[in-house]
């Protein structure tokens, strides 16, 4: 199995050459039969049920909500210059500020 790594910025699409390499790796992987691994036995129905519950809980927590906020026009324009995905960048900045109380303390002086 090949490991393909590529760094893509928020809102940026992967380059065509990376997409081609990934598709080629998928085609190659499909040529080989699945191999049973005794160290990783099939999941039991109970384990699958628990996994489904955990996945649903994770998805519930990750679900984004739409809100309306007031932002100074110059700040909004600065974010919009970052291109598609600028709202995600704004969310990341807000999360960083919440996770680092010193940022909020300095900003509210």
Protein backbone atom coordinates (compact mmCIF):
# COMPACT_ATOMS: atom_id res chain seq x y z
CA UNK A 1 0.00 0.00 0.00
CA UNK A 2 1.30 3.43 -0.90
CA UNK A 3 1.01 6.46 1.31
CA UNK A 4 0.37 9.66 -0.58
CA UNK A 5 0.75 12.96 1.24
CA UNK A 6 -0.05 16.42 0.02
CA UNK A 7 -0.61 19.71 1.82
CA UNK A 8 -3.65 21.68 0.75
CA UNK A 9 -4.66 25.01 2.26
CA UNK A 10 -8.21 25.73 3.38
CA UNK A 11 -10.43 26.35 0.38
CA UNK A 12 -7.76 25.13 -2.05
CA UNK A 13 -8.34 22.14 -4.35
CA UNK A 14 -5.64 19.47 -4.63
CA UNK A 15 -3.50 19.79 -7.76
CA UNK A 16 -4.51 17.58 -10.71
CA UNK A 17 -1.27 15.60 -10.43
CA UNK A 18 -2.11 14.65 -6.82
CA UNK A 19 -5.62 13.56 -7.80
CA UNK A 20 -4.13 11.43 -10.61
CA UNK A 21 -1.68 9.77 -8.17
CA UNK A 22 -4.47 9.00 -5.69
CA UNK A 23 -6.70 7.52 -8.41
CA UNK A 24 -3.80 5.41 -9.70
CA UNK A 25 -3.10 4.12 -6.17
CA UNK A 26 -6.78 3.20 -5.75
CA UNK A 27 -6.78 1.30 -9.06
CA UNK A 28 -3.65 -0.60 -8.00
CA UNK A 29 -5.10 -1.42 -4.57
CA UNK A 30 -8.24 -2.86 -6.18
CA UNK A 31 -6.13 -5.36 -8.14
CA UNK A 32 -5.05 -7.12 -4.94
CA UNK A 33 -7.42 -9.40 -3.04
CA UNK A 34 -8.39 -8.63 0.53
CA UNK A 35 -6.25 -10.49 3.04
CA UNK A 36 -7.59 -11.76 6.37
CA UNK A 37 -5.56 -10.46 9.29
CA UNK A 38 -5.77 -12.72 12.36
CA UNK A 39 -4.68 -9.80 14.56
CA UNK A 40 -7.81 -7.90 13.45
CA UNK A 41 -10.80 -10.24 13.60
CA UNK A 42 -14.19 -9.21 12.18
CA UNK A 43 -16.19 -6.87 14.40
CA UNK A 44 -19.04 -8.30 16.44
CA UNK A 45 -22.56 -6.92 16.02
CA UNK A 46 -22.23 -5.29 19.46
CA UNK A 47 -18.96 -3.61 18.47
CA UNK A 48 -20.50 -2.35 15.21
CA UNK A 49 -23.47 -0.96 17.14
CA UNK A 50 -21.16 0.84 19.58
CA UNK A 51 -19.10 2.19 16.68
CA UNK A 52 -22.26 3.51 14.98
CA UNK A 53 -23.28 5.19 18.25
CA UNK A 54 -19.85 6.82 18.66
CA UNK A 55 -19.83 7.98 15.02
CA UNK A 56 -23.31 9.50 15.38
CA UNK A 57 -22.26 11.29 18.57
CA UNK A 58 -19.11 12.64 16.90
CA UNK A 59 -21.13 13.88 13.92
CA UNK A 60 -23.63 15.56 16.24
CA UNK A 61 -20.82 17.44 17.99
CA UNK A 62 -19.13 18.42 14.72
CA UNK A 63 -22.28 19.75 13.09
CA UNK A 64 -21.93 23.44 12.42
CA UNK A 65 -24.65 25.96 13.07
CA UNK A 66 -25.44 29.09 11.17
CA UNK A 67 -25.35 32.34 13.15
CA UNK A 68 -25.56 36.04 12.39
CA UNK A 69 -22.86 38.33 13.80
CA UNK A 70 -21.90 41.94 13.24
CA UNK A 71 -18.37 42.46 11.92
CA UNK A 72 -16.65 45.67 10.91
CA UNK A 73 -16.58 45.99 7.10
CA UNK A 74 -12.79 46.25 6.93
CA UNK A 75 -12.37 43.06 8.98
CA UNK A 76 -14.83 41.19 6.77
CA UNK A 77 -13.06 42.38 3.61
CA UNK A 78 -9.72 41.19 5.03
CA UNK A 79 -11.14 37.70 5.55
CA UNK A 80 -12.81 37.67 2.12
CA UNK A 81 -9.43 38.28 0.48
CA UNK A 82 -8.43 34.83 1.75
CA UNK A 83 -10.78 33.30 -0.81
CA UNK A 84 -13.26 30.47 -0.54
CA UNK A 85 -13.38 29.06 2.96
CA UNK A 86 -12.85 32.37 4.70
CA UNK A 87 -15.74 31.64 7.08
CA UNK A 88 -13.95 28.47 8.18
CA UNK A 89 -10.83 30.53 8.83
CA UNK A 90 -12.91 32.93 10.93
CA UNK A 91 -14.27 29.98 12.91
CA UNK A 92 -10.72 28.69 13.46
CA UNK A 93 -9.61 32.11 14.75
CA UNK A 94 -12.55 32.23 17.15
CA UNK A 95 -11.80 28.72 18.39
CA UNK A 96 -8.14 29.63 18.91
CA UNK A 97 -9.17 32.65 20.97
CA UNK A 98 -11.47 30.51 23.14
CA UNK A 99 -8.76 27.87 23.63
CA UNK A 100 -6.17 30.52 24.57
CA UNK A 101 -7.62 32.81 27.26
CA UNK A 102 -4.61 35.13 27.07
CA UNK A 103 -5.73 36.19 23.60
CA UNK A 104 -9.14 37.23 24.91
CA UNK A 105 -7.61 39.02 27.90
CA UNK A 106 -5.31 41.03 25.62
CA UNK A 107 -8.14 41.82 23.17
CA UNK A 108 -10.53 43.13 25.84
CA UNK A 109 -8.16 45.61 27.52
